[in-house]
Amino acid sequence: MSDSKLLPTETFAEGNILICVFPSSRSNGVYLVQVKPYQHDLVITHECPACRYKRQQHMCKHVTAALEAYKRWQWQEPYKRVHTVTQKIVLDPAWEQVQLSLSPIERILERILDVITDAT
């Protein structure tokens, strides 16, 4: 599975913080990735083997996918610098489960496809 196709299986929110759940590609576990706005930046926190062994700490596939999910969730926010922290995130039952909506471009494309389908 390519990094651009990696999608969270679940997403949770705690205020303006987004938590994404990604399946492990090598085991039955999951990775939790937290994206938290801090002033004019985003702090992305999680731990996976690539981060733990410093192979891809800054932008492993989980960080990249969580950043894209956050951009989809908070599409109206301007660009922010990204900082990463390698630390395990633990699921909190107080988090609210959220559904990510389509991005504005995806909504337009969906509408175009509907029009094309109706025309045929």
Protein backbone atom coordinates (compact mmCIF):
# COMPACT_ATOMS: atom_id res chain seq x y z
CA MET A 1 0.00 0.00 0.00
CA SER A 2 1.52 3.34 -0.98
CA ASP A 3 1.84 6.12 1.57
CA SER A 4 -0.61 8.35 -0.33
CA LYS A 5 -3.32 5.68 0.00
CA LEU A 6 -2.90 5.15 3.74
CA LEU A 7 -6.09 6.21 5.48
CA PRO A 8 -7.01 6.14 9.16
CA THR A 9 -9.44 3.39 10.11
CA GLU A 10 -10.91 5.64 12.83
CA THR A 11 -10.56 9.29 13.79
CA PHE A 12 -11.17 10.91 17.15
CA ALA A 13 -11.16 14.49 18.37
CA GLU A 14 -10.49 16.19 21.64
CA GLY A 15 -11.28 19.85 21.07
CA ASN A 16 -9.07 20.97 18.19
CA ILE A 17 -6.81 17.90 18.41
CA LEU A 18 -7.24 15.10 15.87
CA ILE A 19 -6.24 11.53 16.70
CA CYS A 20 -5.94 9.06 13.81
CA VAL A 21 -5.84 5.27 14.13
CA PHE A 22 -3.80 3.40 11.52
CA PRO A 23 -3.50 -0.39 11.21
CA SER A 24 -0.08 -1.92 11.56
CA SER A 25 1.16 -3.41 8.30
CA ARG A 26 3.16 -6.14 10.06
CA SER A 27 1.00 -7.14 13.01
CA ASN A 28 -2.53 -7.03 14.37
CA GLY A 29 -1.94 -3.79 16.26
CA VAL A 30 -2.65 -0.15 15.49
CA TYR A 31 -0.75 3.13 15.65
CA LEU A 32 -2.31 6.24 17.13
CA VAL A 33 -1.18 9.58 15.73
CA GLN A 34 -2.11 12.87 17.38
CA VAL A 35 -2.17 16.14 15.43
CA LYS A 36 -2.30 19.16 17.71
CA PRO A 37 -2.25 22.81 16.70
CA TYR A 38 0.15 24.87 18.78
CA GLN A 39 0.30 28.60 18.05
CA HIS A 40 1.16 28.80 14.31
CA ASP A 41 2.42 25.20 14.05
CA LEU A 42 1.19 21.62 14.15
CA VAL A 43 2.74 19.09 16.53
CA ILE A 44 2.32 15.51 15.36
CA THR A 45 2.98 12.91 18.04
CA HIS A 46 3.23 9.16 17.60
CA GLU A 47 5.54 6.19 17.78
CA CYS A 48 6.17 3.50 15.19
CA PRO A 49 9.24 1.43 14.27
CA ALA A 50 10.30 3.95 11.60
CA CYS A 51 10.23 6.76 14.17
CA ARG A 52 11.66 4.68 17.00
CA TYR A 53 14.74 3.76 15.00
CA LYS A 54 15.05 7.28 13.53
CA ARG A 55 14.72 6.05 9.95
CA GLN A 56 11.92 8.41 8.99
CA GLN A 57 11.19 10.35 12.15
CA HIS A 58 9.99 13.55 10.56
CA MET A 59 7.60 12.28 7.90
CA CYS A 60 6.94 8.55 8.15
CA LYS A 61 3.82 7.30 6.36
CA HIS A 62 1.68 7.65 9.51
CA VAL A 63 2.71 11.28 10.04
CA THR A 64 2.09 12.12 6.38
CA ALA A 65 -1.34 10.44 6.38
CA ALA A 66 -2.35 12.05 9.71
CA LEU A 67 -1.33 15.46 8.38
CA GLU A 68 -3.52 14.92 5.29
CA ALA A 69 -6.42 13.82 7.51
CA TYR A 70 -6.00 16.93 9.67
CA LYS A 71 -5.98 19.15 6.56
CA ARG A 72 -9.22 17.48 5.47
CA TRP A 73 -10.76 17.95 8.93
CA GLN A 74 -9.61 21.57 9.31
CA TRP A 75 -9.54 22.50 5.62
CA GLN A 76 -10.13 26.20 6.33
CA GLU A 77 -6.89 26.60 8.33
CA PRO A 78 -3.84 28.17 6.67
CA TYR A 79 -0.62 26.22 6.17
CA LYS A 80 1.25 25.46 9.37
CA ARG A 81 4.78 24.23 9.99
CA VAL A 82 4.94 20.64 11.18
CA HIS A 83 6.95 19.39 14.14
CA THR A 84 7.09 15.75 15.15
CA VAL A 85 7.44 14.14 18.56
CA THR A 86 8.19 10.44 19.01
CA GLN A 87 5.98 9.37 21.89
CA LYS A 88 3.33 6.69 22.25
CA ILE A 89 -0.29 7.88 22.21
CA VAL A 90 -2.77 5.90 24.32
CA LEU A 91 -6.47 5.71 23.44
CA ASP A 92 -8.65 7.79 25.76
CA PRO A 93 -12.34 6.82 26.14
CA ALA A 94 -13.21 10.53 26.49
CA TRP A 95 -12.23 11.23 22.88
CA GLU A 96 -15.14 11.88 20.53
CA GLN A 97 -15.22 9.80 17.37
CA VAL A 98 -15.43 11.99 14.24
CA GLN A 99 -16.01 11.32 10.56
CA LEU A 100 -13.79 13.13 8.11
CA SER A 101 -15.79 14.91 5.46
CA LEU A 102 -14.87 15.26 1.84
CA SER A 103 -12.45 18.03 0.98
CA PRO A 104 -13.83 20.94 -1.07
CA ILE A 105 -12.17 19.58 -4.22
CA GLU A 106 -13.58 16.10 -3.60
CA ARG A 107 -17.05 17.61 -3.16
CA ILE A 108 -16.75 19.39 -6.52
CA LEU A 109 -15.52 16.22 -8.23
CA GLU A 110 -18.35 14.21 -6.66
CA ARG A 111 -20.88 16.74 -7.94
CA ILE A 112 -19.36 16.66 -11.45
CA LEU A 113 -19.57 12.86 -11.46
CA ASP A 114 -23.22 13.08 -10.36
CA VAL A 115 -23.99 15.48 -13.24
CA ILE A 116 -22.19 13.22 -15.75
CA THR A 117 -24.01 10.16 -14.44
CA ASP A 118 -27.40 11.95 -14.61
CA ALA A 119 -26.66 13.07 -18.18
CA THR A 120 -26.01 9.57 -19.46
